[in-house]
């Protein structure tokens, strides 16, 4: 029994020693193939390896800590971003629009003060427009400059005839519009030359041919599908019937043909009921039309936008696109009055009235909401102010029109009454004249009759005398004859 227990104890010791050796070997295998005992000092190479490992572990630990700190900072930034209305991972332009929405549309925004400030903006200085001075007959309004730096130069024309009252307006994303005055009778050929040579895919007309009995634009498109009109070498044909695509916006297709050249197709949009110096009540049609002009089918050339002068309604329409992009670039630093000045350096007097400036702000705020910017109370207040203001303006216009109509009707009635009075007076004057003429005629007739009677008596007396004389002469002759016998 004793011998067996000793044997088992020795076996357990051997097994334990083997496990210990294998563990030590595993521990030291990464540093050296030879096992190192506890009493033995490590070699210099081994010290170096251990130090490198420690430094590597320390470096990894520091990097991990930095990452954790960065994550914490990121989470803090994301929280602050959320508090400002931003979300992590958004494009910069959208973040900037969110910031603008908070800083510009705030409780201190005074819409009346904004309109007053716009109205008081000083005119820009240093704008050069020498070319238009030589083409007065092609300018509808002499006080609206066609800036030389941005003017559209008609292609394939000599310098003497390359002028048209139109300017390039370049957006921050390099997209270009042509802002132009409405064609005149003298410039319709030039207008279609520009459309054809610039490969214009779309025309947006923001006026009517006649407004308040005044011509605002020449009839430069056919009035019906069966009609083809020609200006110089350009034949314009309407290929379909105008259709209403948005509120107040109709669309039709036109073909422009020139001898020996491919036919050019252009889409014509007519934006109706946008009064001169004013703006629409809502932004819907403007935003939809701007979006449509960016569709691939319209990318072959620049769209032409025109009203009558090409500065008020035209620049307001383009300004929605330009202003929105500038906000995307500058964020809360955006100065909307300076944005208008930037536009005016491209097209003189761009955005004419405070109504149009407020409409531009309304459109931009609505566009921002469509892009994901939350509408705050102050943006809603702007919209409410604008609607109330424009409604009030419409009522004033209606009242003024009714007064003018009543005044005109009163003047017409007075004129008609004056004519009636004059006619009555003439009739009254004519009766005595007629009676007087009748009396004179009667007197003349009486005198004529009396004269006739006196003449008859005279003639009778004369005849009697003549007869007596003749008788006397006959008697004398007879007596003489007897005496001679």
Protein backbone atom coordinates (compact mmCIF):
# COMPACT_ATOMS: atom_id res chain seq x y z
CA UNK A 1 0.00 0.00 0.00
CA UNK A 2 2.81 2.37 0.86
CA UNK A 3 4.65 1.60 -2.30
CA UNK A 4 1.59 2.30 -4.47
CA UNK A 5 0.85 5.65 -2.82
CA UNK A 6 4.40 6.81 -3.29
CA UNK A 7 4.23 5.84 -6.91
CA UNK A 8 1.07 7.86 -7.45
CA UNK A 9 2.55 10.85 -5.64
CA UNK A 10 5.64 10.77 -7.86
CA UNK A 11 3.45 10.62 -10.94
CA UNK A 12 1.48 13.64 -9.81
CA UNK A 13 4.68 15.58 -9.16
CA UNK A 14 6.02 14.69 -12.60
CA UNK A 15 2.75 15.81 -14.21
CA UNK A 16 2.77 19.09 -12.29
CA UNK A 17 6.36 19.80 -13.26
CA UNK A 18 5.55 19.09 -16.91
CA UNK A 19 2.59 21.50 -16.83
CA UNK A 20 4.71 24.17 -15.18
CA UNK A 21 7.43 23.79 -17.79
CA UNK A 22 4.90 23.92 -20.62
CA UNK A 23 3.31 27.05 -19.15
CA UNK A 24 6.66 28.77 -18.75
CA UNK A 25 7.55 27.74 -22.26
CA UNK A 26 4.32 29.23 -23.56
CA UNK A 27 4.95 32.44 -21.69
CA UNK A 28 8.47 32.86 -22.97
CA UNK A 29 7.88 31.50 -26.48
CA UNK A 30 7.08 34.89 -27.84
CA UNK A 31 10.35 36.31 -26.59
CA UNK A 32 12.79 33.40 -26.88
CA UNK A 33 12.77 29.79 -27.90
CA UNK A 34 14.83 28.95 -24.81
CA UNK A 35 12.93 28.89 -21.50
CA UNK A 36 14.12 31.34 -18.88
CA UNK A 37 14.17 30.44 -15.21
CA UNK A 38 13.10 32.84 -12.51
CA UNK A 39 16.61 33.25 -11.15
CA UNK A 40 18.13 33.86 -14.54
CA UNK A 41 18.39 37.51 -15.67
CA UNK A 42 16.91 38.37 -19.12
CA UNK A 43 19.33 39.18 -21.90
CA UNK A 44 19.66 42.68 -23.44
CA UNK A 45 17.70 41.60 -26.55
CA UNK A 46 14.89 40.36 -24.39
CA UNK A 47 14.79 43.65 -22.47
CA UNK A 48 14.55 45.52 -25.75
CA UNK A 49 11.64 43.40 -26.94
CA UNK A 50 9.79 43.87 -23.66
CA UNK A 51 10.28 47.65 -23.76
CA UNK A 52 9.02 47.80 -27.37
CA UNK A 53 5.95 45.82 -26.41
CA UNK A 54 5.25 48.11 -23.44
CA UNK A 55 5.65 51.24 -25.56
CA UNK A 56 3.39 49.75 -28.23
CA UNK A 57 0.74 48.90 -25.64
CA UNK A 58 1.00 52.43 -24.20
CA UNK A 59 0.62 53.95 -27.69
CA UNK A 60 -2.43 51.82 -28.45
CA UNK A 61 -3.95 52.79 -25.12
CA UNK A 62 -3.42 56.51 -25.84
CA UNK A 63 -4.95 56.18 -29.31
CA UNK A 64 -7.93 54.35 -27.87
CA UNK A 65 -8.40 57.07 -25.26
CA UNK A 66 -8.23 59.74 -28.00
CA UNK A 67 -10.90 57.91 -29.97
CA UNK A 68 -13.11 57.71 -26.92
CA UNK A 69 -12.59 61.42 -26.24
CA UNK A 70 -13.35 62.17 -29.90
CA UNK A 71 -16.55 60.17 -29.70
CA UNK A 72 -17.55 62.06 -26.58
CA UNK A 73 -16.81 65.38 -28.29
CA UNK A 74 -18.71 64.23 -31.35
CA UNK A 75 -21.69 63.32 -29.25
CA UNK A 76 -21.53 66.73 -27.57
CA UNK A 77 -21.28 68.44 -30.97
CA UNK A 78 -24.17 66.41 -32.28
CA UNK A 79 -26.23 67.42 -29.28
CA UNK A 80 -25.39 71.08 -29.86
CA UNK A 81 -26.09 70.62 -33.54
CA UNK A 82 -29.49 69.17 -32.74
CA UNK A 83 -30.19 72.10 -30.48
CA UNK A 84 -29.53 74.39 -33.46
CA UNK A 85 -31.76 72.34 -35.72
CA UNK A 86 -28.96 70.39 -37.42
CA UNK A 87 -28.54 66.66 -37.80
CA UNK A 88 -25.23 64.79 -38.03
CA UNK A 89 -24.24 63.76 -41.55
CA UNK A 90 -26.13 66.56 -43.34
CA UNK A 91 -24.62 68.39 -46.34
CA UNK A 92 -23.08 71.76 -45.56
CA UNK A 93 -25.60 73.73 -47.65
CA UNK A 94 -28.49 72.28 -45.65
CA UNK A 95 -26.75 72.98 -42.32
CA UNK A 96 -26.21 76.57 -43.49
CA UNK A 97 -29.86 76.91 -44.42
CA UNK A 98 -30.87 75.63 -41.00
CA UNK A 99 -28.62 78.20 -39.35
CA UNK A 100 -30.03 80.98 -41.56
CA UNK A 101 -33.54 79.87 -40.68
CA UNK A 102 -32.75 80.35 -36.99
CA UNK A 103 -30.76 83.59 -37.21
CA UNK A 104 -32.73 85.51 -39.88
CA UNK A 105 -36.24 84.33 -39.03
CA UNK A 106 -36.20 85.27 -35.36
CA UNK A 107 -38.60 87.03 -32.96
CA UNK A 108 -36.88 90.36 -33.66
CA UNK A 109 -37.69 90.21 -37.40
CA UNK A 110 -39.74 93.31 -38.23
CA UNK A 111 -41.26 92.86 -41.70
CA UNK A 112 -42.23 96.52 -42.04
CA UNK A 113 -38.68 97.53 -41.17
CA UNK A 114 -37.31 95.05 -43.72
CA UNK A 115 -39.49 96.60 -46.45
CA UNK A 116 -38.46 100.09 -45.39
CA UNK A 117 -34.78 99.12 -45.47
CA UNK A 118 -35.17 97.61 -48.92
CA UNK A 119 -36.95 100.71 -50.17
CA UNK A 120 -34.05 102.83 -48.90
CA UNK A 121 -31.28 100.83 -50.58
CA UNK A 122 -28.98 103.26 -52.43
CA UNK A 123 -28.42 102.74 -56.18
CA UNK A 124 -25.18 101.04 -57.18
CA UNK A 125 -22.40 103.18 -58.58
CA UNK A 126 -19.81 102.44 -61.24
CA UNK A 127 -22.01 100.39 -63.58
CA UNK A 128 -20.91 100.84 -67.20
CA UNK A 129 -23.47 100.64 -70.02
CA UNK A 130 -21.94 102.40 -73.02
CA UNK A 131 -23.18 100.02 -75.71
CA UNK A 132 -26.88 100.71 -75.15
CA UNK A 133 -26.32 104.43 -75.81
CA UNK A 134 -25.80 103.57 -79.49
CA UNK A 135 -29.05 101.57 -79.60
CA UNK A 136 -31.75 103.80 -78.10
CA UNK A 137 -34.31 102.41 -80.54
CA UNK A 138 -33.85 98.93 -79.02
CA UNK A 139 -34.35 99.98 -75.39
CA UNK A 140 -37.87 100.13 -73.98
CA UNK A 141 -36.84 102.24 -70.98
CA UNK A 142 -33.86 104.58 -71.17
CA UNK A 143 -33.32 104.62 -67.37
CA UNK A 144 -32.74 100.85 -67.19
CA UNK A 145 -29.12 100.09 -68.04
CA UNK A 146 -27.91 97.09 -69.96
CA UNK A 147 -24.61 96.50 -68.14
CA UNK A 148 -21.73 95.96 -70.57
CA UNK A 149 -19.95 93.41 -68.37
CA UNK A 150 -22.84 90.94 -68.37
CA UNK A 151 -24.79 91.86 -71.52
CA UNK A 152 -25.76 89.14 -73.98
CA UNK A 153 -23.79 89.62 -77.19
CA UNK A 154 -25.71 88.32 -80.20
CA UNK A 155 -23.72 85.61 -81.94
CA UNK A 156 -22.93 85.66 -85.66
CA UNK A 157 -23.58 89.39 -85.84
CA UNK A 158 -21.20 92.28 -86.56
CA UNK A 159 -20.37 94.56 -83.65
CA UNK A 160 -22.77 97.22 -84.94
CA UNK A 161 -25.81 94.92 -84.63
CA UNK A 162 -24.90 92.57 -81.77
CA UNK A 163 -26.93 94.43 -79.09
CA UNK A 164 -30.02 93.22 -77.28
CA UNK A 165 -31.29 94.49 -73.93
CA UNK A 166 -30.52 91.29 -71.99
CA UNK A 167 -27.98 90.21 -69.37
CA UNK A 168 -26.47 86.97 -68.13
CA UNK A 169 -27.30 86.11 -64.52
CA UNK A 170 -24.96 83.41 -63.20
CA UNK A 171 -25.98 81.37 -60.17
CA UNK A 172 -23.51 80.23 -57.48
CA UNK A 173 -23.62 76.71 -58.98
CA UNK A 174 -22.69 78.24 -62.40
CA UNK A 175 -26.17 77.67 -63.86
CA UNK A 176 -27.09 80.62 -66.09
CA UNK A 177 -30.28 82.51 -66.85
CA UNK A 178 -30.79 85.24 -69.45
CA UNK A 179 -32.85 88.10 -68.05
CA UNK A 180 -34.29 90.22 -70.86
CA UNK A 181 -36.75 92.99 -71.54
CA UNK A 182 -39.89 91.93 -73.38
CA UNK A 183 -39.47 92.02 -77.16
CA UNK A 184 -40.38 95.29 -78.92
CA UNK A 185 -41.64 95.55 -82.49
CA UNK A 186 -38.11 96.67 -83.41
CA UNK A 187 -36.36 93.81 -81.58
CA UNK A 188 -38.43 90.67 -82.24
CA UNK A 189 -35.95 89.42 -84.86
CA UNK A 190 -33.04 90.03 -82.45
CA UNK A 191 -34.94 88.18 -79.72
CA UNK A 192 -35.49 85.08 -81.86
CA UNK A 193 -31.90 85.27 -83.09
CA UNK A 194 -30.80 85.04 -79.45
CA UNK A 195 -33.16 82.12 -78.80
CA UNK A 196 -31.87 80.23 -81.83
CA UNK A 197 -28.13 80.89 -81.50
CA UNK A 198 -27.99 80.34 -77.72
CA UNK A 199 -30.06 77.12 -78.08
CA UNK A 200 -32.50 78.38 -75.47
CA UNK A 201 -34.70 75.45 -74.31
CA UNK A 202 -37.34 77.48 -72.46
CA UNK A 203 -38.83 80.99 -72.34
CA UNK A 204 -40.64 82.22 -69.23
CA UNK A 205 -42.90 85.19 -69.96
CA UNK A 206 -43.99 86.96 -66.75
CA UNK A 207 -46.27 89.63 -68.24
CA UNK A 208 -49.16 90.04 -70.65
CA UNK A 209 -48.94 91.62 -74.09
CA UNK A 210 -51.22 94.41 -72.84
CA UNK A 211 -51.70 95.49 -69.23
CA UNK A 212 -54.10 98.27 -68.23
CA UNK A 213 -54.44 99.24 -71.93
CA UNK A 214 -50.65 99.66 -72.32
CA UNK A 215 -48.50 97.43 -74.49
CA UNK A 216 -45.96 95.64 -72.30
CA UNK A 217 -44.58 93.25 -74.90
CA UNK A 218 -44.77 92.80 -78.67
CA UNK A 219 -46.71 89.84 -80.08
CA UNK A 220 -43.67 87.65 -80.72
CA UNK A 221 -45.44 84.26 -80.72
CA UNK A 222 -48.35 82.95 -82.86
CA UNK A 223 -51.83 83.51 -81.47
CA UNK A 224 -53.16 80.11 -82.62
CA UNK A 225 -51.87 76.76 -83.85
CA UNK A 226 -52.76 77.41 -87.49
CA UNK A 227 -50.68 80.57 -87.60
CA UNK A 228 -46.98 80.91 -88.41
CA UNK A 229 -45.30 84.25 -87.90
CA UNK A 230 -41.94 85.30 -89.28
CA UNK A 231 -39.33 87.78 -88.08
CA UNK A 232 -36.46 88.12 -90.52
CA UNK A 233 -35.33 84.58 -91.39
CA UNK A 234 -36.98 83.04 -88.30
CA UNK A 235 -40.33 81.27 -88.72
CA UNK A 236 -42.19 80.61 -85.48
CA UNK A 237 -44.85 77.88 -85.41
CA UNK A 238 -46.97 76.76 -82.48
CA UNK A 239 -47.31 72.97 -82.44
CA UNK A 240 -49.83 72.51 -79.64
CA UNK A 241 -52.48 74.26 -77.57
CA UNK A 242 -51.41 76.04 -74.36
CA UNK A 243 -52.17 73.92 -71.30
CA UNK A 244 -52.38 74.95 -67.64
CA UNK A 245 -49.60 73.14 -65.74
CA UNK A 246 -49.57 75.13 -62.47
CA UNK A 247 -51.75 77.87 -61.06
CA UNK A 248 -51.48 80.85 -63.46
CA UNK A 249 -48.82 79.09 -65.60
CA UNK A 250 -49.51 77.76 -69.11
CA UNK A 251 -47.15 75.78 -71.32
CA UNK A 252 -46.90 75.45 -75.10
CA UNK A 253 -44.33 74.25 -77.63
CA UNK A 254 -42.87 76.38 -80.41
CA UNK A 255 -40.72 75.47 -83.40
CA UNK A 256 -38.15 77.92 -84.73
CA UNK A 257 -37.06 77.23 -88.28
CA UNK A 258 -34.36 78.88 -90.39
CA UNK A 259 -33.47 78.00 -94.00
CA UNK A 260 -30.76 75.32 -94.30
CA UNK A 261 -30.55 74.78 -90.51
CA UNK A 262 -32.09 72.25 -88.11
CA UNK A 263 -35.37 73.26 -86.48
CA UNK A 264 -35.06 74.40 -82.88
CA UNK A 265 -37.80 73.47 -80.38
CA UNK A 266 -38.47 75.76 -77.43
CA UNK A 267 -40.98 75.46 -74.58
CA UNK A 268 -42.87 78.66 -73.81
CA UNK A 269 -44.17 79.21 -70.26
CA UNK A 270 -46.61 82.07 -69.68
CA UNK A 271 -46.83 83.16 -66.03
CA UNK A 272 -50.09 85.14 -65.84
CA UNK A 273 -51.65 87.41 -63.23
CA UNK A 274 -48.32 88.62 -61.85
CA UNK A 275 -48.86 92.37 -61.81
CA UNK A 276 -46.11 94.87 -62.60
CA UNK A 277 -44.22 96.06 -59.47
CA UNK A 278 -46.07 93.41 -57.45
CA UNK A 279 -45.91 89.67 -56.76
CA UNK A 280 -48.11 86.56 -56.48
CA UNK A 281 -49.90 85.68 -53.26
CA UNK A 282 -48.26 82.24 -52.89
CA UNK A 283 -44.92 80.66 -53.81
CA UNK A 284 -46.15 77.37 -55.27
CA UNK A 285 -46.06 78.10 -59.01
CA UNK A 286 -42.71 79.91 -58.80
CA UNK A 287 -40.97 77.06 -56.96
CA UNK A 288 -42.45 74.40 -59.25
CA UNK A 289 -41.43 76.27 -62.39
CA UNK A 290 -37.89 76.88 -61.11
CA UNK A 291 -37.57 73.17 -60.37
CA UNK A 292 -38.87 72.27 -63.84
CA UNK A 293 -36.26 74.49 -65.52
CA UNK A 294 -33.55 72.33 -63.90
CA UNK A 295 -34.85 69.14 -65.52
CA UNK A 296 -32.44 67.35 -67.92
CA UNK A 297 -34.54 68.18 -71.01
CA UNK A 298 -33.88 71.90 -70.42
CA UNK A 299 -30.10 71.63 -69.96
CA UNK A 300 -29.12 72.24 -73.60
CA UNK A 301 -28.92 76.00 -73.02
CA UNK A 302 -29.88 78.88 -70.73
CA UNK A 303 -33.56 79.64 -70.08
CA UNK A 304 -34.71 83.16 -71.00
CA UNK A 305 -36.83 84.96 -68.41
CA UNK A 306 -38.57 88.21 -69.39
CA UNK A 307 -41.33 90.55 -68.29
CA UNK A 308 -41.69 94.05 -69.73
CA UNK A 309 -38.51 95.74 -68.47
CA UNK A 310 -36.81 92.50 -67.42
CA UNK A 311 -35.79 93.69 -63.95
CA UNK A 312 -38.71 93.44 -61.50
CA UNK A 313 -40.74 90.29 -61.99
CA UNK A 314 -37.92 88.67 -63.96
CA UNK A 315 -35.19 89.25 -61.36
CA UNK A 316 -37.50 88.31 -58.48
CA UNK A 317 -38.14 84.95 -60.13
CA UNK A 318 -34.42 84.36 -60.69
CA UNK A 319 -33.62 85.79 -57.24
CA UNK A 320 -35.40 82.91 -55.50
CA UNK A 321 -32.84 80.53 -57.02
CA UNK A 322 -29.87 82.86 -56.49
CA UNK A 323 -30.79 83.82 -52.92
CA UNK A 324 -31.42 80.22 -51.88
CA UNK A 325 -28.02 79.14 -53.15
CA UNK A 326 -26.20 82.03 -51.45
CA UNK A 327 -27.82 81.07 -48.15
CA UNK A 328 -26.58 77.51 -48.70
CA UNK A 329 -23.05 78.91 -49.07
CA UNK A 330 -22.99 81.53 -46.31
CA UNK A 331 -25.48 80.33 -43.71
CA UNK A 332 -26.18 82.77 -40.89
CA UNK A 333 -23.72 85.27 -42.39
CA UNK A 334 -26.02 85.86 -45.38
CA UNK A 335 -27.06 89.48 -45.89
CA UNK A 336 -30.17 89.41 -48.10
CA UNK A 337 -29.78 93.07 -49.05
CA UNK A 338 -26.25 92.35 -50.28
CA UNK A 339 -27.64 89.37 -52.20
CA UNK A 340 -29.89 91.82 -54.07
CA UNK A 341 -26.89 94.08 -54.75
CA UNK A 342 -24.99 91.11 -56.17
CA UNK A 343 -27.88 90.51 -58.55
CA UNK A 344 -28.00 94.19 -59.47
CA UNK A 345 -24.38 94.03 -60.56
CA UNK A 346 -25.52 91.51 -63.16
CA UNK A 347 -28.89 93.07 -64.11
CA UNK A 348 -29.54 96.73 -63.34
CA UNK A 349 -32.30 97.47 -60.77
CA UNK A 350 -32.95 93.76 -60.20
CA UNK A 351 -35.94 93.24 -57.84
CA UNK A 352 -37.84 96.51 -58.18
CA UNK A 353 -40.23 96.76 -55.25
CA UNK A 354 -40.46 95.83 -51.58
CA UNK A 355 -43.44 93.60 -52.44
CA UNK A 356 -41.15 91.56 -54.70
CA UNK A 357 -38.37 91.40 -52.08
CA UNK A 358 -40.80 90.07 -49.47
CA UNK A 359 -42.13 87.53 -51.98
CA UNK A 360 -38.56 86.40 -52.63
CA UNK A 361 -38.08 85.79 -48.87
CA UNK A 362 -41.37 83.87 -48.69
CA UNK A 363 -40.34 81.65 -51.61
CA UNK A 364 -36.90 80.99 -50.11
CA UNK A 365 -38.37 80.08 -46.70
CA UNK A 366 -40.92 77.74 -48.33
CA UNK A 367 -38.14 76.17 -50.41
CA UNK A 368 -36.03 75.63 -47.26
CA UNK A 369 -38.94 73.82 -45.61
CA UNK A 370 -39.31 71.59 -48.68
CA UNK A 371 -35.59 70.76 -48.39
CA UNK A 372 -35.87 69.69 -44.75
CA UNK A 373 -35.48 72.85 -42.68
CA UNK A 374 -38.16 72.93 -39.97
CA UNK A 375 -40.54 75.86 -40.24
CA UNK A 376 -40.30 77.91 -37.07
CA UNK A 377 -42.88 80.35 -35.73
CA UNK A 378 -41.04 83.36 -37.14
CA UNK A 379 -41.07 81.90 -40.67
CA UNK A 380 -44.78 81.33 -40.24
CA UNK A 381 -45.18 84.92 -39.04
CA UNK A 382 -43.45 86.18 -42.20
CA UNK A 383 -45.84 84.15 -44.34
CA UNK A 384 -48.85 85.47 -42.44
CA UNK A 385 -47.63 89.07 -42.66
CA UNK A 386 -47.04 88.77 -46.40
CA UNK A 387 -50.49 87.31 -47.11
CA UNK A 388 -52.23 89.98 -45.03
CA UNK A 389 -50.17 92.75 -46.61
CA UNK A 390 -50.80 91.57 -50.17
CA UNK A 391 -54.52 91.07 -49.46
CA UNK A 392 -54.68 94.64 -48.17
CA UNK A 393 -52.84 95.88 -51.27
CA UNK A 394 -55.27 93.99 -53.52
CA UNK A 395 -58.23 95.57 -51.72
CA UNK A 396 -56.69 99.03 -52.10
CA UNK A 397 -56.12 98.35 -55.80
CA UNK A 398 -59.70 97.20 -56.22
CA UNK A 399 -61.01 100.26 -54.39
CA UNK A 400 -58.85 102.53 -56.52
CA UNK A 401 -60.01 100.80 -59.71
CA UNK A 402 -63.66 101.19 -58.68
CA UNK A 403 -63.13 104.89 -57.95
CA UNK A 404 -61.42 105.39 -61.31
CA UNK A 405 -64.22 103.49 -63.03
CA UNK A 406 -66.87 105.62 -61.30
CA UNK A 407 -64.93 108.77 -62.16
CA UNK A 408 -64.67 107.69 -65.77
CA UNK A 409 -68.37 106.86 -65.96
CA UNK A 410 -69.22 110.22 -64.39
CA UNK A 411 -67.01 112.02 -66.91
CA UNK A 412 -68.61 110.10 -69.77
CA UNK A 413 -72.10 110.96 -68.48
CA UNK A 414 -71.14 114.62 -68.16
CA UNK A 415 -69.74 114.58 -71.67
CA UNK A 416 -72.87 112.90 -72.99
CA UNK A 417 -75.08 115.42 -71.17
CA UNK A 418 -73.02 118.27 -72.59
CA UNK A 419 -73.52 116.88 -76.08
CA UNK A 420 -77.27 116.63 -75.47
CA UNK A 421 -77.37 120.22 -74.20
CA UNK A 422 -75.46 121.44 -77.23
CA UNK A 423 -77.81 119.55 -79.51
CA UNK A 424 -80.86 121.01 -77.74
CA UNK A 425 -79.35 124.48 -77.94
CA UNK A 426 -78.72 124.02 -81.63
CA UNK A 427 -82.27 122.83 -82.15
CA UNK A 428 -83.63 125.89 -80.28
CA UNK A 429 -81.42 128.20 -82.32
CA UNK A 430 -82.38 126.54 -85.58
CA UNK A 431 -86.18 127.13 -85.20
CA UNK A 432 -85.99 130.96 -85.15
CA UNK A 433 -83.46 130.85 -87.92
CA UNK A 434 -85.81 128.75 -89.99
CA UNK A 435 -88.76 131.09 -89.29
CA UNK A 436 -86.62 134.12 -90.10
CA UNK A 437 -85.48 132.49 -93.28
CA UNK A 438 -89.10 131.66 -94.09
CA UNK A 439 -90.17 135.26 -93.48
CA UNK A 440 -87.33 136.53 -95.62
CA UNK A 441 -88.26 134.04 -98.29
CA UNK A 442 -91.93 135.21 -98.12
CA UNK A 443 -90.89 138.86 -98.30
CA UNK A 444 -88.68 138.14 -101.25
CA UNK A 445 -91.52 136.27 -102.91
CA UNK A 446 -93.93 139.17 -102.26
CA UNK A 447 -91.46 141.70 -103.55
CA UNK A 448 -90.84 139.54 -106.55
CA UNK A 449 -94.57 139.34 -107.26
CA UNK A 450 -95.08 143.08 -106.85
CA UNK A 451 -92.17 143.78 -109.09
CA UNK A 452 -93.59 141.39 -111.59
CA UNK A 453 -96.99 143.17 -111.49
CA UNK A 454 -95.44 146.61 -111.86
CA UNK A 455 -93.41 145.38 -114.76
CA UNK A 456 -96.55 144.01 -116.37
CA UNK A 457 -98.35 147.33 -115.97
CA UNK A 458 -95.39 149.19 -117.36
CA UNK A 459 -95.22 146.88 -120.28
CA UNK A 460 -98.98 147.37 -120.85
CA UNK A 461 -98.69 151.15 -120.73
CA UNK A 462 -95.75 151.03 -123.03
CA UNK A 463 -97.67 148.89 -125.47
CA UNK A 464 -100.65 151.26 -125.30
CA UNK A 465 -98.47 154.27 -125.88
CA UNK A 466 -96.75 152.56 -128.71
CA UNK A 467 -100.08 151.67 -130.26
CA UNK A 468 -101.36 155.26 -129.90
CA UNK A 469 -98.18 156.58 -131.40
CA UNK A 470 -98.43 154.23 -134.26
CA UNK A 471 -102.06 155.20 -134.80
CA UNK A 472 -101.16 158.86 -134.73
CA UNK A 473 -98.36 158.27 -137.15
CA UNK A 474 -100.71 156.40 -139.43
CA UNK A 475 -103.26 159.22 -139.29
CA UNK A 476 -100.54 161.76 -140.03
CA UNK A 477 -99.41 159.72 -142.96
CA UNK A 478 -102.95 159.52 -144.30
CA UNK A 479 -103.47 163.26 -143.96
CA UNK A 480 -100.24 163.97 -145.76
CA UNK A 481 -101.18 161.67 -148.54
CA UNK A 482 -104.55 163.38 -148.96
CA UNK A 483 -102.96 166.80 -149.08
CA UNK A 484 -100.58 165.70 -151.73
CA UNK A 485 -103.43 164.45 -153.77
